[in-house]
Every structure is written in structure tokens, then in C-alpha cells.
Amino acid sequence: MQWLQTQRLARARELLECSDLPVDRVAEVSGLGTGANLRRHFTRAVGVPPIDYRRSFRAARVA
């Protein structure tokens, strides 16, 4: 089960980095279900909420 969760979070990271999909859609596409579920698991695993993670990549692209 942990392996599957890790894969889902990796897909969510990829989508947050490379797409403009809303967080709720990222959750659906990555298999995490809801935006709330994505936010909870992502923040626990990565240390920052998905929206902050995405902002860090947008800032890097602009700079």
C-alpha cells in the first residue's frame, strides 16, 4: 500500500510541476481522490501544501 501511495504522490508532484490543472483535478488524475486528501498526504510527505509546491516551480520558471 505504501508503494502505491508513493507512486500517486510522485504523479501529483509531476502534475503540479508541469500542468495548470486545479489541485482537485490533480488529486483525481493521480489517484488520490479529493483535493483534501491530496493536501493532507502531500503536506505530510513533502512538507509543504501542494499550492506552495506549485508556486515554487512557477517562480523558478519566471526567474
PDB file of N, CA and C in Angstrom:
ATOM      1  N   MET A   1       0.817  -1.196   0.000  1.00  0.00           N
ATOM      2  CA  MET A   1       0.000   0.000   0.000  1.00  0.00           C
ATOM      3  C   MET A   1       0.865   1.267   0.000  1.00  0.00           C
ATOM      4  N   GLN A   2       1.974   1.227   0.751  1.00  0.00           N
ATOM      5  CA  GLN A   2       2.869   2.382   0.804  1.00  0.00           C
ATOM      6  C   GLN A   2       3.460   2.683  -0.576  1.00  0.00           C
ATOM      7  N   TRP A   3       3.813   1.630  -1.321  1.00  0.00           N
ATOM      8  CA  TRP A   3       4.373   1.825  -2.658  1.00  0.00           C
ATOM      9  C   TRP A   3       3.369   2.571  -3.537  1.00  0.00           C
ATOM     10  N   LEU A   4       2.122   2.166  -3.495  1.00  0.00           N
ATOM     11  CA  LEU A   4       1.083   2.802  -4.304  1.00  0.00           C
ATOM     12  C   LEU A   4       0.921   4.274  -3.919  1.00  0.00           C
ATOM     13  N   GLN A   5       0.909   4.558  -2.647  1.00  0.00           N
ATOM     14  CA  GLN A   5       0.797   5.942  -2.181  1.00  0.00           C
ATOM     15  C   GLN A   5       1.984   6.780  -2.670  1.00  0.00           C
ATOM     16  N   THR A   6       3.161   6.209  -2.629  1.00  0.00           N
ATOM     17  CA  THR A   6       4.362   6.904  -3.108  1.00  0.00           C
ATOM     18  C   THR A   6       4.236   7.206  -4.596  1.00  0.00           C
ATOM     19  N   GLN A   7       3.733   6.269  -5.376  1.00  0.00           N
ATOM     20  CA  GLN A   7       3.561   6.478  -6.811  1.00  0.00           C
ATOM     21  C   GLN A   7       2.519   7.561  -7.095  1.00  0.00           C
ATOM     22  N   ARG A   8       1.455   7.554  -6.348  1.00  0.00           N
ATOM     23  CA  ARG A   8       0.413   8.574  -6.516  1.00  0.00           C
ATOM     24  C   ARG A   8       0.949   9.963  -6.190  1.00  0.00           C
ATOM     25  N   LEU A   9       1.716  10.069  -5.125  1.00  0.00           N
ATOM     26  CA  LEU A   9       2.302  11.359  -4.760  1.00  0.00           C
ATOM     27  C   LEU A   9       3.332  11.813  -5.792  1.00  0.00           C
ATOM     28  N   ALA A  10       4.066  10.883  -6.358  1.00  0.00           N
ATOM     29  CA  ALA A  10       5.030  11.241  -7.404  1.00  0.00           C
ATOM     30  C   ALA A  10       4.299  11.787  -8.633  1.00  0.00           C
ATOM     31  N   ARG A  11       3.188  11.168  -8.984  1.00  0.00           N
ATOM     32  CA  ARG A  11       2.393  11.660 -10.118  1.00  0.00           C
ATOM     33  C   ARG A  11       1.813  13.036  -9.805  1.00  0.00           C
ATOM     34  N   ALA A  12       1.351  13.229  -8.599  1.00  0.00           N
ATOM     35  CA  ALA A  12       0.819  14.536  -8.204  1.00  0.00           C
ATOM     36  C   ALA A  12       1.903  15.599  -8.293  1.00  0.00           C
ATOM     37  N   ARG A  13       3.109  15.285  -7.847  1.00  0.00           N
ATOM     38  CA  ARG A  13       4.228  16.235  -7.944  1.00  0.00           C
ATOM     39  C   ARG A  13       4.485  16.611  -9.396  1.00  0.00           C
ATOM     40  N   GLU A  14       4.514  15.609 -10.240  1.00  0.00           N
ATOM     41  CA  GLU A  14       4.750  15.846 -11.669  1.00  0.00           C
ATOM     42  C   GLU A  14       3.679  16.769 -12.254  1.00  0.00           C
ATOM     43  N   LEU A  15       2.431  16.511 -11.930  1.00  0.00           N
ATOM     44  CA  LEU A  15       1.343  17.337 -12.448  1.00  0.00           C
ATOM     45  C   LEU A  15       1.400  18.758 -11.887  1.00  0.00           C
ATOM     46  N   LEU A  16       1.757  18.895 -10.641  1.00  0.00           N
ATOM     47  CA  LEU A  16       1.871  20.228 -10.045  1.00  0.00           C
ATOM     48  C   LEU A  16       3.016  21.011 -10.685  1.00  0.00           C
ATOM     49  N   GLU A  17       4.081  20.327 -11.030  1.00  0.00           N
ATOM     50  CA  GLU A  17       5.235  20.981 -11.649  1.00  0.00           C
ATOM     51  C   GLU A  17       4.979  21.382 -13.098  1.00  0.00           C
ATOM     52  N   CYS A  18       4.253  20.545 -13.831  1.00  0.00           N
ATOM     53  CA  CYS A  18       4.191  20.693 -15.291  1.00  0.00           C
ATOM     54  C   CYS A  18       2.835  21.074 -15.862  1.00  0.00           C
ATOM     55  N   SER A  19       1.823  21.193 -15.044  1.00  0.00           N
ATOM     56  CA  SER A  19       0.497  21.500 -15.582  1.00  0.00           C
ATOM     57  C   SER A  19      -0.148  22.647 -14.809  1.00  0.00           C
ATOM     58  N   ASP A  20      -1.229  23.128 -15.356  1.00  0.00           N
ATOM     59  CA  ASP A  20      -2.026  24.162 -14.691  1.00  0.00           C
ATOM     60  C   ASP A  20      -3.336  23.593 -14.155  1.00  0.00           C
ATOM     61  N   LEU A  21      -3.407  22.277 -14.031  1.00  0.00           N
ATOM     62  CA  LEU A  21      -4.629  21.656 -13.520  1.00  0.00           C
ATOM     63  C   LEU A  21      -4.911  22.131 -12.098  1.00  0.00           C
ATOM     64  N   PRO A  22      -6.177  22.339 -11.782  1.00  0.00           N
ATOM     65  CA  PRO A  22      -6.521  22.671 -10.389  1.00  0.00           C
ATOM     66  C   PRO A  22      -6.136  21.519  -9.452  1.00  0.00           C
ATOM     67  N   VAL A  23      -5.901  21.838  -8.210  1.00  0.00           N
ATOM     68  CA  VAL A  23      -5.475  20.835  -7.233  1.00  0.00           C
ATOM     69  C   VAL A  23      -6.482  19.681  -7.152  1.00  0.00           C
ATOM     70  N   ASP A  24      -7.763  19.984  -7.214  1.00  0.00           N
ATOM     71  CA  ASP A  24      -8.765  18.914  -7.158  1.00  0.00           C
ATOM     72  C   ASP A  24      -8.616  17.952  -8.337  1.00  0.00           C
ATOM     73  N   ARG A  25      -8.316  18.484  -9.493  1.00  0.00           N
ATOM     74  CA  ARG A  25      -8.128  17.648 -10.689  1.00  0.00           C
ATOM     75  C   ARG A  25      -6.829  16.852 -10.584  1.00  0.00           C
ATOM     76  N   VAL A  26      -5.785  17.459 -10.055  1.00  0.00           N
ATOM     77  CA  VAL A  26      -4.527  16.741  -9.833  1.00  0.00           C
ATOM     78  C   VAL A  26      -4.784  15.546  -8.917  1.00  0.00           C
ATOM     79  N   ALA A  27      -5.576  15.748  -7.894  1.00  0.00           N
ATOM     80  CA  ALA A  27      -5.910  14.661  -6.962  1.00  0.00           C
ATOM     81  C   ALA A  27      -6.618  13.525  -7.691  1.00  0.00           C
ATOM     82  N   GLU A  28      -7.574  13.853  -8.524  1.00  0.00           N
ATOM     83  CA  GLU A  28      -8.311  12.834  -9.276  1.00  0.00           C
ATOM     84  C   GLU A  28      -7.393  12.072 -10.217  1.00  0.00           C
ATOM     85  N   VAL A  29      -6.622  12.805 -11.006  1.00  0.00           N
ATOM     86  CA  VAL A  29      -5.770  12.187 -12.024  1.00  0.00           C
ATOM     87  C   VAL A  29      -4.680  11.324 -11.386  1.00  0.00           C
ATOM     88  N   SER A  30      -4.169  11.742 -10.261  1.00  0.00           N
ATOM     89  CA  SER A  30      -3.084  10.997  -9.617  1.00  0.00           C
ATOM     90  C   SER A  30      -3.599   9.829  -8.771  1.00  0.00           C
ATOM     91  N   GLY A  31      -4.894   9.717  -8.616  1.00  0.00           N
ATOM     92  CA  GLY A  31      -5.452   8.596  -7.868  1.00  0.00           C
ATOM     93  C   GLY A  31      -5.635   8.850  -6.387  1.00  0.00           C
ATOM     94  N   LEU A  32      -5.491  10.110  -5.979  1.00  0.00           N
ATOM     95  CA  LEU A  32      -5.646  10.436  -4.560  1.00  0.00           C
ATOM     96  C   LEU A  32      -7.062  10.861  -4.198  1.00  0.00           C
ATOM     97  N   GLY A  33      -7.930  10.907  -5.172  1.00  0.00           N
ATOM     98  CA  GLY A  33      -9.344  11.168  -4.909  1.00  0.00           C
ATOM     99  C   GLY A  33      -9.705  12.628  -4.848  1.00  0.00           C
ATOM    100  N   THR A  34      -9.671  13.197  -3.668  1.00  0.00           N
ATOM    101  CA  THR A  34     -10.128  14.577  -3.470  1.00  0.00           C
ATOM    102  C   THR A  34      -8.954  15.520  -3.212  1.00  0.00           C
ATOM    103  N   GLY A  35      -9.223  16.799  -3.404  1.00  0.00           N
ATOM    104  CA  GLY A  35      -8.214  17.804  -3.105  1.00  0.00           C
ATOM    105  C   GLY A  35      -7.803  17.770  -1.644  1.00  0.00           C
ATOM    106  N   ALA A  36      -8.756  17.558  -0.766  1.00  0.00           N
ATOM    107  CA  ALA A  36      -8.449  17.497   0.669  1.00  0.00           C
ATOM    108  C   ALA A  36      -7.514  16.331   0.976  1.00  0.00           C
ATOM    109  N   ASN A  37      -7.769  15.202   0.352  1.00  0.00           N
ATOM    110  CA  ASN A  37      -6.923  14.036   0.551  1.00  0.00           C
ATOM    111  C   ASN A  37      -5.514  14.293   0.006  1.00  0.00           C
ATOM    112  N   LEU A  38      -5.441  14.899  -1.167  1.00  0.00           N
ATOM    113  CA  LEU A  38      -4.139  15.248  -1.737  1.00  0.00           C
ATOM    114  C   LEU A  38      -3.400  16.196  -0.810  1.00  0.00           C
ATOM    115  N   ARG A  39      -4.050  17.237  -0.347  1.00  0.00           N
ATOM    116  CA  ARG A  39      -3.395  18.215   0.527  1.00  0.00           C
ATOM    117  C   ARG A  39      -2.860  17.557   1.802  1.00  0.00           C
ATOM    118  N   ARG A  40      -3.646  16.690   2.394  1.00  0.00           N
ATOM    119  CA  ARG A  40      -3.238  16.024   3.640  1.00  0.00           C
ATOM    120  C   ARG A  40      -2.007  15.144   3.407  1.00  0.00           C
ATOM    121  N   HIS A  41      -2.068  14.257   2.423  1.00  0.00           N
ATOM    122  CA  HIS A  41      -0.964  13.328   2.177  1.00  0.00           C
ATOM    123  C   HIS A  41       0.265  14.034   1.616  1.00  0.00           C
ATOM    124  N   PHE A  42       0.047  14.989   0.726  1.00  0.00           N
ATOM    125  CA  PHE A  42       1.152  15.705   0.106  1.00  0.00           C
ATOM    126  C   PHE A  42       1.916  16.513   1.149  1.00  0.00           C
ATOM    127  N   THR A  43       1.203  17.233   1.977  1.00  0.00           N
ATOM    128  CA  THR A  43       1.848  18.048   3.009  1.00  0.00           C
ATOM    129  C   THR A  43       2.618  17.176   3.979  1.00  0.00           C
ATOM    130  N   ARG A  44       2.065  16.051   4.340  1.00  0.00           N
ATOM    131  CA  ARG A  44       2.748  15.137   5.255  1.00  0.00           C
ATOM    132  C   ARG A  44       4.032  14.586   4.615  1.00  0.00           C
ATOM    133  N   ALA A  45       3.969  14.234   3.335  1.00  0.00           N
ATOM    134  CA  ALA A  45       5.113  13.614   2.664  1.00  0.00           C
ATOM    135  C   ALA A  45       6.179  14.621   2.231  1.00  0.00           C
ATOM    136  N   VAL A  46       5.750  15.781   1.740  1.00  0.00           N
ATOM    137  CA  VAL A  46       6.673  16.739   1.136  1.00  0.00           C
ATOM    138  C   VAL A  46       7.048  17.860   2.100  1.00  0.00           C
ATOM    139  N   GLY A  47       6.148  18.187   3.001  1.00  0.00           N
ATOM    140  CA  GLY A  47       6.439  19.236   3.979  1.00  0.00           C
ATOM    141  C   GLY A  47       5.829  20.584   3.657  1.00  0.00           C
ATOM    142  N   VAL A  48       5.240  20.705   2.470  1.00  0.00           N
ATOM    143  CA  VAL A  48       4.549  21.941   2.079  1.00  0.00           C
ATOM    144  C   VAL A  48       3.254  21.563   1.373  1.00  0.00           C
ATOM    145  N   PRO A  49       2.243  22.434   1.433  1.00  0.00           N
ATOM    146  CA  PRO A  49       0.996  22.159   0.720  1.00  0.00           C
ATOM    147  C   PRO A  49       1.222  22.171  -0.798  1.00  0.00           C
ATOM    148  N   PRO A  50       0.372  21.493  -1.541  1.00  0.00           N
ATOM    149  CA  PRO A  50       0.525  21.427  -2.994  1.00  0.00           C
ATOM    150  C   PRO A  50       0.594  22.798  -3.676  1.00  0.00           C
ATOM    151  N   ILE A  51      -0.185  23.751  -3.231  1.00  0.00           N
ATOM    152  CA  ILE A  51      -0.197  25.067  -3.877  1.00  0.00           C
ATOM    153  C   ILE A  51       1.144  25.771  -3.692  1.00  0.00           C
ATOM    154  N   ASP A  52       1.762  25.632  -2.526  1.00  0.00           N
ATOM    155  CA  ASP A  52       3.080  26.226  -2.297  1.00  0.00           C
ATOM    156  C   ASP A  52       4.148  25.509  -3.121  1.00  0.00           C
ATOM    157  N   TYR A  53       4.019  24.211  -3.226  1.00  0.00           N
ATOM    158  CA  TYR A  53       4.941  23.427  -4.049  1.00  0.00           C
ATOM    159  C   TYR A  53       4.871  23.905  -5.499  1.00  0.00           C
ATOM    160  N   ARG A  54       3.672  24.078  -6.009  1.00  0.00           N
ATOM    161  CA  ARG A  54       3.487  24.544  -7.388  1.00  0.00           C
ATOM    162  C   ARG A  54       4.074  25.944  -7.560  1.00  0.00           C
ATOM    163  N   ARG A  55       3.834  26.827  -6.627  1.00  0.00           N
ATOM    164  CA  ARG A  55       4.358  28.197  -6.713  1.00  0.00           C
ATOM    165  C   ARG A  55       5.874  28.218  -6.811  1.00  0.00           C
ATOM    166  N   SER A  56       6.527  27.313  -6.115  1.00  0.00           N
ATOM    167  CA  SER A  56       7.987  27.280  -6.162  1.00  0.00           C
ATOM    168  C   SER A  56       8.483  26.945  -7.565  1.00  0.00           C
ATOM    169  N   PHE A  57       7.750  26.146  -8.306  1.00  0.00           N
ATOM    170  CA  PHE A  57       8.142  25.817  -9.674  1.00  0.00           C
ATOM    171  C   PHE A  57       7.797  26.934 -10.639  1.00  0.00           C
ATOM    172  N   ARG A  58       6.726  27.607 -10.398  1.00  0.00           N
ATOM    173  CA  ARG A  58       6.361  28.757 -11.251  1.00  0.00           C
ATOM    174  C   ARG A  58       7.380  29.879 -11.082  1.00  0.00           C
ATOM    175  N   ALA A  59       7.797  30.121  -9.848  1.00  0.00           N
ATOM    176  CA  ALA A  59       8.788  31.165  -9.590  1.00  0.00           C
ATOM    177  C   ALA A  59      10.106  30.825 -10.262  1.00  0.00           C
ATOM    178  N   ALA A  60      10.476  29.555 -10.265  1.00  0.00           N
ATOM    179  CA  ALA A  60      11.723  29.145 -10.892  1.00  0.00           C
ATOM    180  C   ALA A  60      11.664  29.324 -12.411  1.00  0.00           C
ATOM    181  N   ARG A  61      10.491  29.102 -13.013  1.00  0.00           N
ATOM    182  CA  ARG A  61      10.346  29.256 -14.464  1.00  0.00           C
ATOM    183  C   ARG A  61      10.442  30.717 -14.881  1.00  0.00           C
ATOM    184  N   VAL A  62       9.932  31.615 -14.042  1.00  0.00           N
ATOM    185  CA  VAL A  62       9.940  33.042 -14.361  1.00  0.00           C
ATOM    186  C   VAL A  62      11.336  33.618 -14.198  1.00  0.00           C
ATOM    187  N   ALA A  63      12.054  33.158 -13.210  1.00  0.00           N
ATOM    188  CA  ALA A  63      13.396  33.711 -12.921  1.00  0.00           C
ATOM    189  C   ALA A  63      14.431  33.355 -13.954  1.00  0.00           C
TER     190      ALA A  63
END
